[in-house]
C-alpha atoms as a PDB file:
ATOM      1  CA  UNK A   1       0.000   0.000   0.000  1.00  0.00           C
ATOM      2  CA  UNK A   2       2.796   2.399   0.975  1.00  0.00           C
ATOM      3  CA  UNK A   3       4.635   1.688  -2.283  1.00  0.00           C
ATOM      4  CA  UNK A   4       1.443   2.278  -4.244  1.00  0.00           C
ATOM      5  CA  UNK A   5       0.818   5.647  -2.533  1.00  0.00           C
ATOM      6  CA  UNK A   6       4.445   6.654  -3.133  1.00  0.00           C
ATOM      7  CA  UNK A   7       4.145   5.885  -6.839  1.00  0.00           C
ATOM      8  CA  UNK A   8       0.919   7.909  -7.053  1.00  0.00           C
ATOM      9  CA  UNK A   9       2.596  10.861  -5.280  1.00  0.00           C
ATOM     10  CA  UNK A  10       5.627  10.742  -7.590  1.00  0.00           C
ATOM     11  CA  UNK A  11       3.364  10.629 -10.630  1.00  0.00           C
ATOM     12  CA  UNK A  12       1.483  13.682  -9.345  1.00  0.00           C
ATOM     13  CA  UNK A  13       4.735  15.592  -8.789  1.00  0.00           C
ATOM     14  CA  UNK A  14       5.965  14.702 -12.274  1.00  0.00           C
ATOM     15  CA  UNK A  15       2.687  15.872 -13.795  1.00  0.00           C
ATOM     16  CA  UNK A  16       2.887  19.158 -11.856  1.00  0.00           C
ATOM     17  CA  UNK A  17       6.486  19.687 -12.956  1.00  0.00           C
ATOM     18  CA  UNK A  18       5.529  19.016 -16.561  1.00  0.00           C
ATOM     19  CA  UNK A  19       2.660  21.502 -16.351  1.00  0.00           C
ATOM     20  CA  UNK A  20       4.948  24.158 -14.842  1.00  0.00           C
ATOM     21  CA  UNK A  21       7.498  23.584 -17.608  1.00  0.00           C
ATOM     22  CA  UNK A  22       4.791  23.944 -20.237  1.00  0.00           C
ATOM     23  CA  UNK A  23       3.733  27.271 -18.695  1.00  0.00           C
ATOM     24  CA  UNK A  24       7.183  28.862 -18.672  1.00  0.00           C
ATOM     25  CA  UNK A  25      10.206  28.955 -20.957  1.00  0.00           C
ATOM     26  CA  UNK A  26      13.784  30.232 -20.996  1.00  0.00           C
ATOM     27  CA  UNK A  27      15.896  30.681 -24.109  1.00  0.00           C
ATOM     28  CA  UNK A  28      19.414  31.731 -25.018  1.00  0.00           C
ATOM     29  CA  UNK A  29      19.755  33.352 -28.426  1.00  0.00           C
ATOM     30  CA  UNK A  30      21.754  35.896 -30.373  1.00  0.00           C
ATOM     31  CA  UNK A  31      23.607  36.764 -33.540  1.00  0.00           C
ATOM     32  CA  UNK A  32      27.245  36.636 -34.621  1.00  0.00           C
ATOM     33  CA  UNK A  33      28.317  38.855 -37.521  1.00  0.00           C
ATOM     34  CA  UNK A  34      31.936  38.982 -38.706  1.00  0.00           C
ATOM     35  CA  UNK A  35      33.389  40.666 -41.760  1.00  0.00           C
ATOM     36  CA  UNK A  36      36.670  41.543 -43.452  1.00  0.00           C
ATOM     37  CA  UNK A  37      36.992  44.835 -45.234  1.00  0.00           C
ATOM     38  CA  UNK A  38      38.678  48.098 -46.077  1.00  0.00           C
ATOM     39  CA  UNK A  39      36.859  51.016 -44.434  1.00  0.00           C
ATOM     40  CA  UNK A  40      37.202  54.721 -45.164  1.00  0.00           C
ATOM     41  CA  UNK A  41      35.036  57.688 -44.203  1.00  0.00           C
ATOM     42  CA  UNK A  42      34.933  61.161 -45.734  1.00  0.00           C
ATOM     43  CA  UNK A  43      38.180  62.982 -44.942  1.00  0.00           C
ATOM     44  CA  UNK A  44      40.341  66.027 -45.502  1.00  0.00           C
ATOM     45  CA  UNK A  45      42.440  65.933 -48.658  1.00  0.00           C
ATOM     46  CA  UNK A  46      45.588  63.900 -48.077  1.00  0.00           C
ATOM     47  CA  UNK A  47      44.375  62.610 -44.693  1.00  0.00           C
ATOM     48  CA  UNK A  48      42.617  59.340 -45.496  1.00  0.00           C
ATOM     49  CA  UNK A  49      41.121  57.399 -42.587  1.00  0.00           C
ATOM     50  CA  UNK A  50      41.299  54.063 -44.429  1.00  0.00           C
ATOM     51  CA  UNK A  51      41.831  50.934 -42.315  1.00  0.00           C
ATOM     52  CA  UNK A  52      41.741  47.225 -43.133  1.00  0.00           C
ATOM     53  CA  UNK A  53      39.779  45.432 -40.428  1.00  0.00           C
ATOM     54  CA  UNK A  54      38.336  42.180 -39.229  1.00  0.00           C
ATOM     55  CA  UNK A  55      35.134  43.901 -38.065  1.00  0.00           C
ATOM     56  CA  UNK A  56      32.400  42.536 -35.841  1.00  0.00           C
ATOM     57  CA  UNK A  57      28.825  43.558 -36.577  1.00  0.00           C
ATOM     58  CA  UNK A  58      29.297  45.359 -39.884  1.00  0.00           C
ATOM     59  CA  UNK A  59      25.844  44.281 -41.093  1.00  0.00           C
ATOM     60  CA  UNK A  60      24.174  43.618 -37.731  1.00  0.00           C
ATOM     61  CA  UNK A  61      25.747  44.275 -34.339  1.00  0.00           C
ATOM     62  CA  UNK A  62      26.602  40.920 -32.728  1.00  0.00           C
ATOM     63  CA  UNK A  63      24.852  40.154 -29.437  1.00  0.00           C
ATOM     64  CA  UNK A  64      23.799  37.476 -26.972  1.00  0.00           C
ATOM     65  CA  UNK A  65      20.438  37.428 -25.196  1.00  0.00           C
ATOM     66  CA  UNK A  66      18.481  35.664 -22.482  1.00  0.00           C
ATOM     67  CA  UNK A  67      14.693  35.799 -22.423  1.00  0.00           C
ATOM     68  CA  UNK A  68      11.974  34.108 -20.450  1.00  0.00           C
ATOM     69  CA  UNK A  69       8.180  33.891 -20.530  1.00  0.00           C
ATOM     70  CA  UNK A  70       5.792  32.586 -17.887  1.00  0.00           C
ATOM     71  CA  UNK A  71       2.119  31.934 -18.582  1.00  0.00           C
ATOM     72  CA  UNK A  72       0.193  33.422 -15.633  1.00  0.00           C
ATOM     73  CA  UNK A  73      -3.180  32.228 -16.884  1.00  0.00           C
ATOM     74  CA  UNK A  74      -6.102  34.089 -18.367  1.00  0.00           C
ATOM     75  CA  UNK A  75      -3.988  35.230 -21.303  1.00  0.00           C
ATOM     76  CA  UNK A  76      -1.560  37.121 -19.035  1.00  0.00           C
ATOM     77  CA  UNK A  77       2.199  36.520 -19.366  1.00  0.00           C
ATOM     78  CA  UNK A  78       5.303  37.712 -17.543  1.00  0.00           C
ATOM     79  CA  UNK A  79       8.393  38.298 -19.694  1.00  0.00           C
ATOM     80  CA  UNK A  80      11.989  39.391 -19.217  1.00  0.00           C
ATOM     81  CA  UNK A  81      14.836  40.201 -21.625  1.00  0.00           C
ATOM     82  CA  UNK A  82      18.574  40.657 -21.013  1.00  0.00           C
ATOM     83  CA  UNK A  83      20.779  41.330 -24.045  1.00  0.00           C
ATOM     84  CA  UNK A  84      24.410  42.393 -24.432  1.00  0.00           C
ATOM     85  CA  UNK A  85      26.287  43.587 -27.520  1.00  0.00           C
ATOM     86  CA  UNK A  86      29.483  41.689 -28.372  1.00  0.00           C
ATOM     87  CA  UNK A  87      32.605  42.649 -30.325  1.00  0.00           C
ATOM     88  CA  UNK A  88      33.316  39.199 -31.704  1.00  0.00           C
ATOM     89  CA  UNK A  89      36.660  40.244 -33.238  1.00  0.00           C
ATOM     90  CA  UNK A  90      38.115  40.931 -29.771  1.00  0.00           C
ATOM     91  CA  UNK A  91      35.761  39.103 -27.408  1.00  0.00           C
ATOM     92  CA  UNK A  92      34.818  42.330 -25.658  1.00  0.00           C
ATOM     93  CA  UNK A  93      31.339  43.486 -24.738  1.00  0.00           C
ATOM     94  CA  UNK A  94      30.038  46.699 -26.282  1.00  0.00           C
ATOM     95  CA  UNK A  95      28.323  48.775 -23.625  1.00  0.00           C
ATOM     96  CA  UNK A  96      25.533  51.222 -24.407  1.00  0.00           C
ATOM     97  CA  UNK A  97      25.994  55.000 -24.168  1.00  0.00           C
ATOM     98  CA  UNK A  98      25.237  54.764 -20.464  1.00  0.00           C
ATOM     99  CA  UNK A  99      28.238  52.422 -20.108  1.00  0.00           C
ATOM    100  CA  UNK A 100      26.226  49.376 -19.067  1.00  0.00           C
ATOM    101  CA  UNK A 101      26.907  45.678 -19.797  1.00  0.00           C
ATOM    102  CA  UNK A 102      23.320  44.789 -20.762  1.00  0.00           C
ATOM    103  CA  UNK A 103      23.548  47.454 -23.443  1.00  0.00           C
ATOM    104  CA  UNK A 104      21.007  46.064 -25.903  1.00  0.00           C
ATOM    105  CA  UNK A 105      18.086  45.386 -23.568  1.00  0.00           C
ATOM    106  CA  UNK A 106      17.267  44.851 -19.895  1.00  0.00           C
ATOM    107  CA  UNK A 107      13.582  44.838 -19.050  1.00  0.00           C
ATOM    108  CA  UNK A 108      10.661  42.973 -17.524  1.00  0.00           C
ATOM    109  CA  UNK A 109       7.125  43.077 -18.893  1.00  0.00           C
ATOM    110  CA  UNK A 110       3.515  41.968 -18.601  1.00  0.00           C
ATOM    111  CA  UNK A 111       1.627  41.122 -21.791  1.00  0.00           C
ATOM    112  CA  UNK A 112      -1.880  40.040 -22.651  1.00  0.00           C
ATOM    113  CA  UNK A 113      -4.947  41.065 -24.594  1.00  0.00           C
ATOM    114  CA  UNK A 114      -4.294  44.683 -23.604  1.00  0.00           C
ATOM    115  CA  UNK A 115      -0.880  44.668 -25.267  1.00  0.00           C
ATOM    116  CA  UNK A 116       2.458  44.838 -23.473  1.00  0.00           C
ATOM    117  CA  UNK A 117       3.897  47.039 -20.712  1.00  0.00           C
ATOM    118  CA  UNK A 118       7.675  46.901 -20.154  1.00  0.00           C
ATOM    119  CA  UNK A 119       9.903  48.501 -17.504  1.00  0.00           C
ATOM    120  CA  UNK A 120      13.641  49.015 -17.944  1.00  0.00           C
ATOM    121  CA  UNK A 121      15.886  49.525 -20.954  1.00  0.00           C
ATOM    122  CA  UNK A 122      13.838  49.034 -24.119  1.00  0.00           C
ATOM    123  CA  UNK A 123      14.342  49.801 -27.837  1.00  0.00           C
ATOM    124  CA  UNK A 124      13.262  53.309 -28.780  1.00  0.00           C
ATOM    125  CA  UNK A 125      10.573  53.308 -31.529  1.00  0.00           C
ATOM    126  CA  UNK A 126      12.715  55.604 -33.704  1.00  0.00           C
ATOM    127  CA  UNK A 127      15.444  52.945 -33.818  1.00  0.00           C
ATOM    128  CA  UNK A 128      12.842  50.282 -34.668  1.00  0.00           C
ATOM    129  CA  UNK A 129      11.407  52.390 -37.490  1.00  0.00           C
ATOM    130  CA  UNK A 130      14.896  53.245 -38.729  1.00  0.00           C
ATOM    131  CA  UNK A 131      16.004  49.664 -39.275  1.00  0.00           C
ATOM    132  CA  UNK A 132      12.601  48.496 -40.551  1.00  0.00           C
ATOM    133  CA  UNK A 133      12.414  50.849 -43.528  1.00  0.00           C
ATOM    134  CA  UNK A 134      15.813  50.476 -45.165  1.00  0.00           C
ATOM    135  CA  UNK A 135      17.354  47.460 -46.947  1.00  0.00           C
ATOM    136  CA  UNK A 136      20.476  47.393 -44.729  1.00  0.00           C
ATOM    137  CA  UNK A 137      18.483  47.147 -41.508  1.00  0.00           C
ATOM    138  CA  UNK A 138      20.356  48.184 -38.360  1.00  0.00           C
ATOM    139  CA  UNK A 139      23.820  48.184 -39.984  1.00  0.00           C
ATOM    140  CA  UNK A 140      25.890  50.895 -38.318  1.00  0.00           C
ATOM    141  CA  UNK A 141      28.509  50.515 -41.084  1.00  0.00           C
ATOM    142  CA  UNK A 142      26.380  50.522 -44.243  1.00  0.00           C
ATOM    143  CA  UNK A 143      22.835  51.774 -43.561  1.00  0.00           C
ATOM    144  CA  UNK A 144      22.587  55.489 -44.433  1.00  0.00           C
ATOM    145  CA  UNK A 145      19.746  55.869 -41.925  1.00  0.00           C
ATOM    146  CA  UNK A 146      21.650  54.355 -39.003  1.00  0.00           C
ATOM    147  CA  UNK A 147      24.771  56.387 -39.814  1.00  0.00           C
ATOM    148  CA  UNK A 148      22.793  59.625 -40.097  1.00  0.00           C
ATOM    149  CA  UNK A 149      20.950  58.968 -36.861  1.00  0.00           C
ATOM    150  CA  UNK A 150      24.568  58.867 -35.627  1.00  0.00           C
ATOM    151  CA  UNK A 151      24.078  56.390 -32.782  1.00  0.00           C
ATOM    152  CA  UNK A 152      27.829  55.748 -32.891  1.00  0.00           C
ATOM    153  CA  UNK A 153      28.912  59.232 -33.930  1.00  0.00           C
ATOM    154  CA  UNK A 154      29.815  58.203 -37.488  1.00  0.00           C
ATOM    155  CA  UNK A 155      29.116  61.578 -39.066  1.00  0.00           C
ATOM    156  CA  UNK A 156      31.868  64.199 -38.706  1.00  0.00           C
ATOM    157  CA  UNK A 157      29.291  66.986 -38.396  1.00  0.00           C
ATOM    158  CA  UNK A 158      29.088  68.357 -34.861  1.00  0.00           C
ATOM    159  CA  UNK A 159      25.719  67.786 -33.130  1.00  0.00           C
ATOM    160  CA  UNK A 160      24.243  66.083 -36.198  1.00  0.00           C
ATOM    161  CA  UNK A 161      21.701  63.284 -35.768  1.00  0.00           C
ATOM    162  CA  UNK A 162      19.857  62.302 -32.616  1.00  0.00           C
ATOM    163  CA  UNK A 163      21.157  62.832 -29.093  1.00  0.00           C
ATOM    164  CA  UNK A 164      20.038  59.545 -27.567  1.00  0.00           C
ATOM    165  CA  UNK A 165      20.839  55.841 -27.714  1.00  0.00           C
ATOM    166  CA  UNK A 166      19.034  53.042 -29.573  1.00  0.00           C
ATOM    167  CA  UNK A 167      17.407  51.911 -26.315  1.00  0.00           C
ATOM    168  CA  UNK A 168      16.128  54.124 -23.496  1.00  0.00           C
ATOM    169  CA  UNK A 169      17.122  53.331 -19.921  1.00  0.00           C
ATOM    170  CA  UNK A 170      14.733  53.882 -16.990  1.00  0.00           C
ATOM    171  CA  UNK A 171      11.858  53.691 -19.452  1.00  0.00           C
ATOM    172  CA  UNK A 172       8.209  52.717 -19.390  1.00  0.00           C
ATOM    173  CA  UNK A 173       7.011  51.302 -22.729  1.00  0.00           C
ATOM    174  CA  UNK A 174       3.524  50.359 -23.890  1.00  0.00           C
ATOM    175  CA  UNK A 175       2.884  48.369 -27.080  1.00  0.00           C
ATOM    176  CA  UNK A 176      -0.720  48.004 -28.207  1.00  0.00           C
ATOM    177  CA  UNK A 177      -2.335  44.920 -29.763  1.00  0.00           C
ATOM    178  CA  UNK A 178      -2.647  44.824 -33.537  1.00  0.00           C
ATOM    179  CA  UNK A 179      -5.970  46.327 -34.659  1.00  0.00           C
ATOM    180  CA  UNK A 180      -6.399  44.988 -38.215  1.00  0.00           C
ATOM    181  CA  UNK A 181      -2.910  46.161 -39.183  1.00  0.00           C
ATOM    182  CA  UNK A 182      -2.768  49.246 -36.949  1.00  0.00           C
ATOM    183  CA  UNK A 183      -0.630  49.318 -33.786  1.00  0.00           C
ATOM    184  CA  UNK A 184       0.806  51.922 -31.395  1.00  0.00           C
ATOM    185  CA  UNK A 185       3.816  52.364 -29.129  1.00  0.00           C
ATOM    186  CA  UNK A 186       4.314  54.923 -26.343  1.00  0.00           C
ATOM    187  CA  UNK A 187       7.497  55.312 -24.312  1.00  0.00           C
ATOM    188  CA  UNK A 188       8.741  57.575 -21.534  1.00  0.00           C
ATOM    189  CA  UNK A 189      12.285  57.696 -20.098  1.00  0.00           C
ATOM    190  CA  UNK A 190      12.401  59.280 -16.647  1.00  0.00           C
ATOM    191  CA  UNK A 191      15.109  61.831 -15.852  1.00  0.00           C
ATOM    192  CA  UNK A 192      15.486  60.531 -12.265  1.00  0.00           C
ATOM    193  CA  UNK A 193      17.272  63.743 -11.304  1.00  0.00           C
ATOM    194  CA  UNK A 194      16.486  67.180  -9.907  1.00  0.00           C
ATOM    195  CA  UNK A 195      17.216  70.546 -11.424  1.00  0.00           C
ATOM    196  CA  UNK A 196      15.746  72.467 -14.329  1.00  0.00           C
ATOM    197  CA  UNK A 197      18.415  71.160 -16.720  1.00  0.00           C
ATOM    198  CA  UNK A 198      17.037  67.632 -16.428  1.00  0.00           C
ATOM    199  CA  UNK A 199      13.933  66.604 -18.355  1.00  0.00           C
ATOM    200  CA  UNK A 200      11.996  63.420 -19.125  1.00  0.00           C
ATOM    201  CA  UNK A 201      11.960  62.029 -22.662  1.00  0.00           C
ATOM    202  CA  UNK A 202       8.883  60.829 -24.573  1.00  0.00           C
ATOM    203  CA  UNK A 203       8.135  58.892 -27.770  1.00  0.00           C
ATOM    204  CA  UNK A 204       4.945  57.933 -29.595  1.00  0.00           C
ATOM    205  CA  UNK A 205       4.672  55.872 -32.778  1.00  0.00           C
ATOM    206  CA  UNK A 206       1.862  54.506 -34.947  1.00  0.00           C
ATOM    207  CA  UNK A 207       2.339  51.694 -37.492  1.00  0.00           C
ATOM    208  CA  UNK A 208       0.071  50.405 -40.225  1.00  0.00           C
ATOM    209  CA  UNK A 209       1.068  47.153 -41.941  1.00  0.00           C
ATOM    210  CA  UNK A 210      -1.246  45.190 -44.222  1.00  0.00           C
ATOM    211  CA  UNK A 211      -0.333  43.121 -47.242  1.00  0.00           C
ATOM    212  CA  UNK A 212       2.647  44.524 -49.151  1.00  0.00           C
ATOM    213  CA  UNK A 213       2.435  48.015 -47.571  1.00  0.00           C
ATOM    214  CA  UNK A 214       3.770  49.204 -44.218  1.00  0.00           C
ATOM    215  CA  UNK A 215       4.365  52.659 -42.713  1.00  0.00           C
ATOM    216  CA  UNK A 216       5.311  54.109 -39.330  1.00  0.00           C
ATOM    217  CA  UNK A 217       5.035  57.678 -38.022  1.00  0.00           C
ATOM    218  CA  UNK A 218       7.203  58.440 -34.973  1.00  0.00           C
ATOM    219  CA  UNK A 219       7.470  61.527 -32.736  1.00  0.00           C
ATOM    220  CA  UNK A 220      10.180  62.038 -30.105  1.00  0.00           C
ATOM    221  CA  UNK A 221      10.608  64.752 -27.503  1.00  0.00           C
ATOM    222  CA  UNK A 222      14.071  64.157 -26.110  1.00  0.00           C
ATOM    223  CA  UNK A 223      14.997  65.433 -22.683  1.00  0.00           C
ATOM    224  CA  UNK A 224      18.384  65.820 -21.073  1.00  0.00           C
ATOM    225  CA  UNK A 225      20.027  64.517 -17.925  1.00  0.00           C
ATOM    226  CA  UNK A 226      23.248  65.612 -16.265  1.00  0.00           C
ATOM    227  CA  UNK A 227      23.793  62.221 -14.655  1.00  0.00           C
ATOM    228  CA  UNK A 228      26.660  60.374 -16.421  1.00  0.00           C
ATOM    229  CA  UNK A 229      24.995  57.003 -15.813  1.00  0.00           C
ATOM    230  CA  UNK A 230      21.902  58.069 -17.752  1.00  0.00           C
ATOM    231  CA  UNK A 231      23.469  59.304 -20.971  1.00  0.00           C
ATOM    232  CA  UNK A 232      21.198  57.170 -23.116  1.00  0.00           C
ATOM    233  CA  UNK A 233      19.428  60.463 -23.738  1.00  0.00           C
ATOM    234  CA  UNK A 234      21.359  63.715 -23.597  1.00  0.00           C
ATOM    235  CA  UNK A 235      19.757  66.361 -25.784  1.00  0.00           C
ATOM    236  CA  UNK A 236      16.757  68.679 -25.661  1.00  0.00           C
ATOM    237  CA  UNK A 237      15.292  67.974 -29.071  1.00  0.00           C
ATOM    238  CA  UNK A 238      12.137  67.309 -30.989  1.00  0.00           C
ATOM    239  CA  UNK A 239      11.899  65.101 -34.045  1.00  0.00           C
ATOM    240  CA  UNK A 240       9.463  63.254 -36.223  1.00  0.00           C
ATOM    241  CA  UNK A 241      10.114  60.411 -38.623  1.00  0.00           C
ATOM    242  CA  UNK A 242       8.057  58.789 -41.366  1.00  0.00           C
ATOM    243  CA  UNK A 243       9.112  55.436 -42.774  1.00  0.00           C
ATOM    244  CA  UNK A 244       7.357  53.312 -45.386  1.00  0.00           C
ATOM    245  CA  UNK A 245       7.879  50.229 -47.541  1.00  0.00           C
ATOM    246  CA  UNK A 246       6.048  48.447 -50.341  1.00  0.00           C
ATOM    247  CA  UNK A 247       6.763  44.929 -51.558  1.00  0.00           C
ATOM    248  CA  UNK A 248       6.108  44.679 -55.298  1.00  0.00           C
ATOM    249  CA  UNK A 249       7.292  41.072 -55.410  1.00  0.00           C
ATOM    250  CA  UNK A 250      10.083  41.680 -57.906  1.00  0.00           C
ATOM    251  CA  UNK A 251      11.516  44.315 -55.524  1.00  0.00           C
ATOM    252  CA  UNK A 252      10.811  45.892 -52.143  1.00  0.00           C
ATOM    253  CA  UNK A 253      11.019  49.680 -51.970  1.00  0.00           C
ATOM    254  CA  UNK A 254      11.881  51.663 -48.827  1.00  0.00           C
ATOM    255  CA  UNK A 255      11.699  55.344 -47.909  1.00  0.00           C
ATOM    256  CA  UNK A 256      12.267  57.483 -44.807  1.00  0.00           C
ATOM    257  CA  UNK A 257      12.210  61.154 -43.847  1.00  0.00           C
ATOM    258  CA  UNK A 258      13.277  62.617 -40.499  1.00  0.00           C
ATOM    259  CA  UNK A 259      13.266  66.200 -39.197  1.00  0.00           C
ATOM    260  CA  UNK A 260      15.211  67.050 -36.027  1.00  0.00           C
ATOM    261  CA  UNK A 261      15.349  70.276 -34.014  1.00  0.00           C
ATOM    262  CA  UNK A 262      18.043  70.341 -31.316  1.00  0.00           C
ATOM    263  CA  UNK A 263      17.840  73.209 -28.813  1.00  0.00           C
ATOM    264  CA  UNK A 264      20.445  72.020 -26.276  1.00  0.00           C
ATOM    265  CA  UNK A 265      22.403  75.210 -26.850  1.00  0.00           C
ATOM    266  CA  UNK A 266      22.063  77.225 -30.065  1.00  0.00           C
ATOM    267  CA  UNK A 267      19.369  75.759 -32.278  1.00  0.00           C
ATOM    268  CA  UNK A 268      20.512  73.134 -34.791  1.00  0.00           C
ATOM    269  CA  UNK A 269      18.242  71.527 -37.406  1.00  0.00           C
ATOM    270  CA  UNK A 270      18.663  68.300 -39.373  1.00  0.00           C
ATOM    271  CA  UNK A 271      16.717  66.936 -42.313  1.00  0.00           C
ATOM    272  CA  UNK A 272      17.386  63.277 -43.149  1.00  0.00           C
ATOM    273  CA  UNK A 273      16.008  61.175 -45.976  1.00  0.00           C
ATOM    274  CA  UNK A 274      16.724  57.692 -47.345  1.00  0.00           C
ATOM    275  CA  UNK A 275      15.546  55.748 -50.383  1.00  0.00           C
ATOM    276  CA  UNK A 276      16.348  52.087 -50.922  1.00  0.00           C
ATOM    277  CA  UNK A 277      15.441  48.819 -52.628  1.00  0.00           C
ATOM    278  CA  UNK A 278      15.905  45.116 -52.029  1.00  0.00           C
ATOM    279  CA  UNK A 279      15.758  43.079 -55.233  1.00  0.00           C
ATOM    280  CA  UNK A 280      15.549  39.260 -55.035  1.00  0.00           C
ATOM    281  CA  UNK A 281      17.611  37.772 -57.867  1.00  0.00           C
ATOM    282  CA  UNK A 282      17.102  34.128 -56.815  1.00  0.00           C
ATOM    283  CA  UNK A 283      15.173  32.455 -54.004  1.00  0.00           C
ATOM    284  CA  UNK A 284      18.332  32.753 -51.858  1.00  0.00           C
ATOM    285  CA  UNK A 285      19.987  35.962 -53.031  1.00  0.00           C
ATOM    286  CA  UNK A 286      19.130  39.664 -53.092  1.00  0.00           C
ATOM    287  CA  UNK A 287      20.735  42.900 -54.253  1.00  0.00           C
ATOM    288  CA  UNK A 288      20.481  45.767 -51.754  1.00  0.00           C
ATOM    289  CA  UNK A 289      20.840  49.465 -52.564  1.00  0.00           C
ATOM    290  CA  UNK A 290      20.290  52.569 -50.451  1.00  0.00           C
ATOM    291  CA  UNK A 291      21.038  56.301 -50.658  1.00  0.00           C
ATOM    292  CA  UNK A 292      20.621  58.705 -47.771  1.00  0.00           C
ATOM    293  CA  UNK A 293      21.355  62.332 -47.046  1.00  0.00           C
ATOM    294  CA  UNK A 294      21.622  64.332 -43.826  1.00  0.00           C
ATOM    295  CA  UNK A 295      21.432  68.122 -44.183  1.00  0.00           C
ATOM    296  CA  UNK A 296      22.598  69.952 -41.056  1.00  0.00           C
ATOM    297  CA  UNK A 297      21.866  73.638 -40.480  1.00  0.00           C
ATOM    298  CA  UNK A 298      23.448  75.521 -37.571  1.00  0.00           C
ATOM    299  CA  UNK A 299      22.222  78.605 -35.711  1.00  0.00           C
ATOM    300  CA  UNK A 300      24.716  80.616 -37.800  1.00  0.00           C
ATOM    301  CA  UNK A 301      22.896  79.405 -40.942  1.00  0.00           C
ATOM    302  CA  UNK A 302      25.782  77.164 -42.062  1.00  0.00           C
ATOM    303  CA  UNK A 303      24.556  74.108 -44.012  1.00  0.00           C
ATOM    304  CA  UNK A 304      26.538  70.872 -44.334  1.00  0.00           C
ATOM    305  CA  UNK A 305      25.505  67.704 -46.164  1.00  0.00           C
ATOM    306  CA  UNK A 306      26.481  64.131 -45.292  1.00  0.00           C
ATOM    307  CA  UNK A 307      25.622  61.519 -47.960  1.00  0.00           C
ATOM    308  CA  UNK A 308      25.958  57.736 -47.928  1.00  0.00           C
ATOM    309  CA  UNK A 309      25.361  55.327 -50.803  1.00  0.00           C
ATOM    310  CA  UNK A 310      25.579  51.568 -50.202  1.00  0.00           C
ATOM    311  CA  UNK A 311      25.274  48.681 -52.658  1.00  0.00           C
ATOM    312  CA  UNK A 312      25.254  45.115 -51.373  1.00  0.00           C
ATOM    313  CA  UNK A 313      24.640  41.465 -52.183  1.00  0.00           C
ATOM    314  CA  UNK A 314      23.220  39.052 -49.619  1.00  0.00           C
ATOM    315  CA  UNK A 315      23.133  35.271 -50.084  1.00  0.00           C
ATOM    316  CA  UNK A 316      21.245  32.919 -47.753  1.00  0.00           C
ATOM    317  CA  UNK A 317      23.055  29.687 -46.917  1.00  0.00           C
ATOM    318  CA  UNK A 318      20.410  28.379 -44.486  1.00  0.00           C
ATOM    319  CA  UNK A 319      17.595  29.576 -42.255  1.00  0.00           C
ATOM    320  CA  UNK A 320      20.182  30.890 -39.801  1.00  0.00           C
ATOM    321  CA  UNK A 321      23.219  31.822 -41.887  1.00  0.00           C
ATOM    322  CA  UNK A 322      23.927  34.231 -44.732  1.00  0.00           C
ATOM    323  CA  UNK A 323      26.958  35.826 -46.403  1.00  0.00           C
ATOM    324  CA  UNK A 324      27.187  39.357 -47.776  1.00  0.00           C
ATOM    325  CA  UNK A 325      29.338  41.778 -49.724  1.00  0.00           C
ATOM    326  CA  UNK A 326      28.899  45.578 -49.589  1.00  0.00           C
ATOM    327  CA  UNK A 327      30.396  48.660 -51.256  1.00  0.00           C
ATOM    328  CA  UNK A 328      29.715  52.019 -49.627  1.00  0.00           C
ATOM    329  CA  UNK A 329      30.571  55.634 -50.514  1.00  0.00           C
ATOM    330  CA  UNK A 330      30.595  58.396 -47.889  1.00  0.00           C
ATOM    331  CA  UNK A 331      30.601  62.052 -48.942  1.00  0.00           C
ATOM    332  CA  UNK A 332      30.540  65.217 -46.793  1.00  0.00           C
ATOM    333  CA  UNK A 333      30.542  68.880 -47.830  1.00  0.00           C
ATOM    334  CA  UNK A 334      34.100  70.235 -48.263  1.00  0.00           C
ATOM    335  CA  UNK A 335      35.681  66.811 -47.642  1.00  0.00           C
ATOM    336  CA  UNK A 336      37.076  64.071 -49.864  1.00  0.00           C
ATOM    337  CA  UNK A 337      34.793  61.070 -50.383  1.00  0.00           C
ATOM    338  CA  UNK A 338      35.618  57.803 -48.663  1.00  0.00           C
ATOM    339  CA  UNK A 339      34.888  54.305 -50.000  1.00  0.00           C
ATOM    340  CA  UNK A 340      34.468  51.080 -48.039  1.00  0.00           C
ATOM    341  CA  UNK A 341      34.302  47.490 -49.248  1.00  0.00           C
ATOM    342  CA  UNK A 342      33.605  44.455 -47.045  1.00  0.00           C
ATOM    343  CA  UNK A 343      32.496  40.828 -47.104  1.00  0.00           C
ATOM    344  CA  UNK A 344      31.106  38.942 -44.135  1.00  0.00           C
ATOM    345  CA  UNK A 345      29.101  36.103 -42.657  1.00  0.00           C
ATOM    346  CA  UNK A 346      26.157  36.364 -40.261  1.00  0.00           C
ATOM    347  CA  UNK A 347      24.707  33.564 -38.094  1.00  0.00           C
ATOM    348  CA  UNK A 348      21.631  33.574 -35.868  1.00  0.00           C
ATOM    349  CA  UNK A 349      21.328  31.143 -32.971  1.00  0.00           C
END
């Protein structure tokens, strides 16, 4: 009898453990991107910046992530995400602008029929729109949009681009459900500091995606904080961005326009646009092309242009792995043009 009861109890425990496992999950994932190339930006005559590099993340910044989901019942779920950028060429981590290890994401969220509410460091909707509506995605080396947003300071024009990081720390983010193709995102990053120089930052975005057409309108009111640990947003600025794409089948067309007004000190204005295409040439290969321009105007009415043209070829080896080759030309007012050429391999896991 005792043995029988023990077997029944063990069976019950095993069933409970199985149910708990079915209601929660933990995954490790990421991306490794490595390339070899010759890189050169726009430069003064006779002062080329050309370097030959084994470069990590030329097409997509390499990273590793940990994420978990628990089913709380009634359609409610608890989620967390921890992600860190990696420089695969050296084995180093790449911290965000705030200098933190979990530089790509660090947040916890509740999701359900109402949408999703996340607390912590979370992608800013401008970054999401930026990489969605250009053929080179989030490439900090080759995407004109990402370079002109200047997340890594790749334009030589002082105070050009946005004054905040790709993800906002100390943020509250709400993502709505999808209403027949229409969805919304709202985000606020708290200043967590006193003094009139410190201000909260806010973002709102609306996306419509149905069939071959998609478009996103984004507005950002960037605040400023004097705390060094919170430099994921550092400028008093207002901007709006419109991105759109249309898949014709034989090619996918992309377009973006961004207007930025920075009033941190003297007023500076930027106008950024990008046009691009992705053309499938086989079921595994595509030609990518994109041109973008940033026009910067200072308070002294001085205008400078920064232009990037990139042409690439991407070939899919499997569901997780692809290889690419890209040529890029960088031109800035009053400077000599710089040309870059690279090949690389990218693997998702």
